[in-house]
C-alpha atoms as a PDB file:
ATOM      1  CA  UNK A   1     -20.297  32.390  14.436  1.00  0.00           C
ATOM      2  CA  UNK A   2     -21.753  29.509  16.743  1.00  0.00           C
ATOM      3  CA  UNK A   3     -19.581  28.686  20.382  1.00  0.00           C
ATOM      4  CA  UNK A   4     -19.071  24.860  18.457  1.00  0.00           C
ATOM      5  CA  UNK A   5     -15.331  23.997  18.778  1.00  0.00           C
ATOM      6  CA  UNK A   6     -13.395  22.930  15.573  1.00  0.00           C
ATOM      7  CA  UNK A   7     -11.935  19.622  15.669  1.00  0.00           C
ATOM      8  CA  UNK A   8      -8.185  19.991  16.483  1.00  0.00           C
ATOM      9  CA  UNK A   9      -6.176  18.969  13.090  1.00  0.00           C
ATOM     10  CA  UNK A  10      -4.941  15.088  12.972  1.00  0.00           C
ATOM     11  CA  UNK A  11      -1.359  14.659  13.471  1.00  0.00           C
ATOM     12  CA  UNK A  12       0.968  13.372   9.626  1.00  0.00           C
ATOM     13  CA  UNK A  13       0.721  10.221  11.559  1.00  0.00           C
ATOM     14  CA  UNK A  14      -3.212   9.824  11.909  1.00  0.00           C
ATOM     15  CA  UNK A  15      -3.580  10.770   7.984  1.00  0.00           C
ATOM     16  CA  UNK A  16      -0.667   8.163   6.806  1.00  0.00           C
ATOM     17  CA  UNK A  17      -1.926   5.035   4.991  1.00  0.00           C
ATOM     18  CA  UNK A  18      -1.983   2.439   7.642  1.00  0.00           C
ATOM     19  CA  UNK A  19      -1.104  -0.069   4.900  1.00  0.00           C
ATOM     20  CA  UNK A  20       2.584  -0.415   4.782  1.00  0.00           C
ATOM     21  CA  UNK A  21       2.596  -0.753   0.867  1.00  0.00           C
ATOM     22  CA  UNK A  22       1.059   2.467   0.395  1.00  0.00           C
ATOM     23  CA  UNK A  23       3.841   4.787   2.353  1.00  0.00           C
ATOM     24  CA  UNK A  24       5.439   7.399   0.642  1.00  0.00           C
ATOM     25  CA  UNK A  25       9.091   7.999   1.963  1.00  0.00           C
ATOM     26  CA  UNK A  26       8.171  10.558   4.576  1.00  0.00           C
ATOM     27  CA  UNK A  27       5.557   7.612   6.536  1.00  0.00           C
ATOM     28  CA  UNK A  28       8.727   5.652   5.991  1.00  0.00           C
ATOM     29  CA  UNK A  29      10.959   7.909   8.273  1.00  0.00           C
ATOM     30  CA  UNK A  30       7.575   8.595  10.886  1.00  0.00           C
ATOM     31  CA  UNK A  31       7.892   4.931  11.424  1.00  0.00           C
ATOM     32  CA  UNK A  32      11.449   4.524  11.937  1.00  0.00           C
ATOM     33  CA  UNK A  33      11.094   7.787  14.205  1.00  0.00           C
ATOM     34  CA  UNK A  34       8.302   5.478  16.003  1.00  0.00           C
ATOM     35  CA  UNK A  35      10.912   2.823  16.300  1.00  0.00           C
ATOM     36  CA  UNK A  36      13.562   5.700  17.735  1.00  0.00           C
ATOM     37  CA  UNK A  37      15.669   4.562  14.807  1.00  0.00           C
ATOM     38  CA  UNK A  38      16.291   8.600  13.584  1.00  0.00           C
ATOM     39  CA  UNK A  39      19.814   7.714  12.896  1.00  0.00           C
ATOM     40  CA  UNK A  40      18.992   5.693  10.304  1.00  0.00           C
ATOM     41  CA  UNK A  41      16.700   8.297   8.741  1.00  0.00           C
ATOM     42  CA  UNK A  42      19.007   9.577   6.089  1.00  0.00           C
ATOM     43  CA  UNK A  43      19.406   5.850   4.635  1.00  0.00           C
ATOM     44  CA  UNK A  44      15.829   5.753   3.791  1.00  0.00           C
ATOM     45  CA  UNK A  45      15.037   9.026   1.896  1.00  0.00           C
ATOM     46  CA  UNK A  46      13.740   7.744  -0.902  1.00  0.00           C
ATOM     47  CA  UNK A  47      12.867   4.190   0.578  1.00  0.00           C
ATOM     48  CA  UNK A  48       8.696   3.868   0.144  1.00  0.00           C
ATOM     49  CA  UNK A  49       7.052   1.173   1.700  1.00  0.00           C
ATOM     50  CA  UNK A  50       6.645  -1.511  -0.953  1.00  0.00           C
ATOM     51  CA  UNK A  51      10.680  -1.236  -0.881  1.00  0.00           C
ATOM     52  CA  UNK A  52      10.581  -1.451   2.686  1.00  0.00           C
ATOM     53  CA  UNK A  53       8.893  -4.435   2.469  1.00  0.00           C
ATOM     54  CA  UNK A  54      11.378  -6.047   0.301  1.00  0.00           C
ATOM     55  CA  UNK A  55      14.337  -5.068   2.199  1.00  0.00           C
ATOM     56  CA  UNK A  56      16.504  -8.128   3.663  1.00  0.00           C
ATOM     57  CA  UNK A  57      18.611  -8.180   6.352  1.00  0.00           C
ATOM     58  CA  UNK A  58      21.403  -8.029   4.089  1.00  0.00           C
ATOM     59  CA  UNK A  59      19.888  -5.281   2.441  1.00  0.00           C
ATOM     60  CA  UNK A  60      19.566  -3.138   5.547  1.00  0.00           C
ATOM     61  CA  UNK A  61      23.307  -4.174   6.296  1.00  0.00           C
ATOM     62  CA  UNK A  62      24.411  -3.244   2.495  1.00  0.00           C
ATOM     63  CA  UNK A  63      22.556   0.234   2.828  1.00  0.00           C
ATOM     64  CA  UNK A  64      24.395   1.426   6.409  1.00  0.00           C
ATOM     65  CA  UNK A  65      22.466  -0.484   8.977  1.00  0.00           C
ATOM     66  CA  UNK A  66      25.025  -2.253  10.959  1.00  0.00           C
ATOM     67  CA  UNK A  67      23.634  -2.938  14.305  1.00  0.00           C
ATOM     68  CA  UNK A  68      22.345  -5.910  14.262  1.00  0.00           C
ATOM     69  CA  UNK A  69      19.723  -5.682  17.014  1.00  0.00           C
ATOM     70  CA  UNK A  70      18.234  -2.306  15.759  1.00  0.00           C
ATOM     71  CA  UNK A  71      18.183  -4.283  12.409  1.00  0.00           C
ATOM     72  CA  UNK A  72      16.231  -7.339  13.918  1.00  0.00           C
ATOM     73  CA  UNK A  73      13.538  -4.542  15.501  1.00  0.00           C
ATOM     74  CA  UNK A  74      13.092  -3.279  12.312  1.00  0.00           C
ATOM     75  CA  UNK A  75      12.467  -6.284  10.216  1.00  0.00           C
ATOM     76  CA  UNK A  76      10.027  -7.526  13.434  1.00  0.00           C
ATOM     77  CA  UNK A  77       8.081  -4.732  13.211  1.00  0.00           C
ATOM     78  CA  UNK A  78       8.097  -4.650   8.831  1.00  0.00           C
ATOM     79  CA  UNK A  79       7.282  -8.252   8.961  1.00  0.00           C
ATOM     80  CA  UNK A  80       4.183  -7.276  11.070  1.00  0.00           C
ATOM     81  CA  UNK A  81       2.973  -4.475   9.349  1.00  0.00           C
ATOM     82  CA  UNK A  82       3.371  -7.034   6.214  1.00  0.00           C
ATOM     83  CA  UNK A  83       0.979  -9.390   7.901  1.00  0.00           C
ATOM     84  CA  UNK A  84      -2.061  -6.431   9.144  1.00  0.00           C
ATOM     85  CA  UNK A  85      -1.709  -5.274   5.468  1.00  0.00           C
ATOM     86  CA  UNK A  86      -2.514  -8.553   4.172  1.00  0.00           C
ATOM     87  CA  UNK A  87      -5.714  -9.124   6.460  1.00  0.00           C
END
């Protein structure tokens, strides 16, 4: 065996699709974690990226995301990801 080192395995976030429309529910959960919104992960267990892009402020309230500022934070990041995906 040669002395060459094998590359370290990539983190899950690095392997996940960068296009929000291609995200699975696990990637949505990672996204929530990245925004320090782990407490909402149970509310999004069946939400994929395409569905996430369609959620409105009212929808978020309806599923249990009651805090205003975190909702706005989430919606702002989703909007940015939608723009990135369309480029």
